[in-house]
């Protein structure tokens, strides 16, 4: 069935930017954006929780050609779905039992789970939880783990090839590119190999478009935000 369009509930530079990047790379997916102000608690509004009980972005509404609407809320799954939905963009190896497809899926899920988890714990305990709930031991643990485990294996791959899965850009780079940008904001992935990688992917028109609002991002919620601090990790 054909996709008519997608609607992306978005906050600048967050995981929803990965989805926008992948959608723009397809050069065929019609995208509507609705901004969700996480720093003012918009993701806890009852109408948003009805869409996404995880109170996070992205939420993506897929509008099918028959008018049916389906929602997805996991950024890595959405990126993978878009790559497969628009094969003409060549953002993924064809589905099937091939070394290329298995490697691609490995990197999609490494970026969306293991790597993302470590970055999220650092962010949570440095900038999002109330001061009394932050645990510097968590930050120390995951910074050390990221540098000792994630960075070396990624750097080794990028020394051998232009993109994370080989000589061609894939949807896995939408995830990795976002994560490396995120990591560099926290003082990680500072080696030259990562700078060169980000320099390459950030020149892509789809990246420029997806991150055009990233300059508005702030690491910490404003002190003037309205309502109670509902954040719970």
Foldseek 3Di string as FASTA:
>chain_A
DAWPAKEWADDFLDLSLLLLLLQVLLVPHHYHYDYQPVLQPSLVPPVNCVQPVVSDDTWMWTQGPVRDTDIDGQSLVSSVVSCQNRVVSVQADDDDPDPLRVQLVVLSVCLRPVLVVLLVLLLCQPAQDPVVPHDVVSNVVSVVCCQVPVVVVQLVCLVVALANRHPDHHSSCSSVLSSLVSQVVVVPPPDPSSVSNNVVVCPDPSNCVSNVVNVVDDSHRDPPHDDDRPDDD
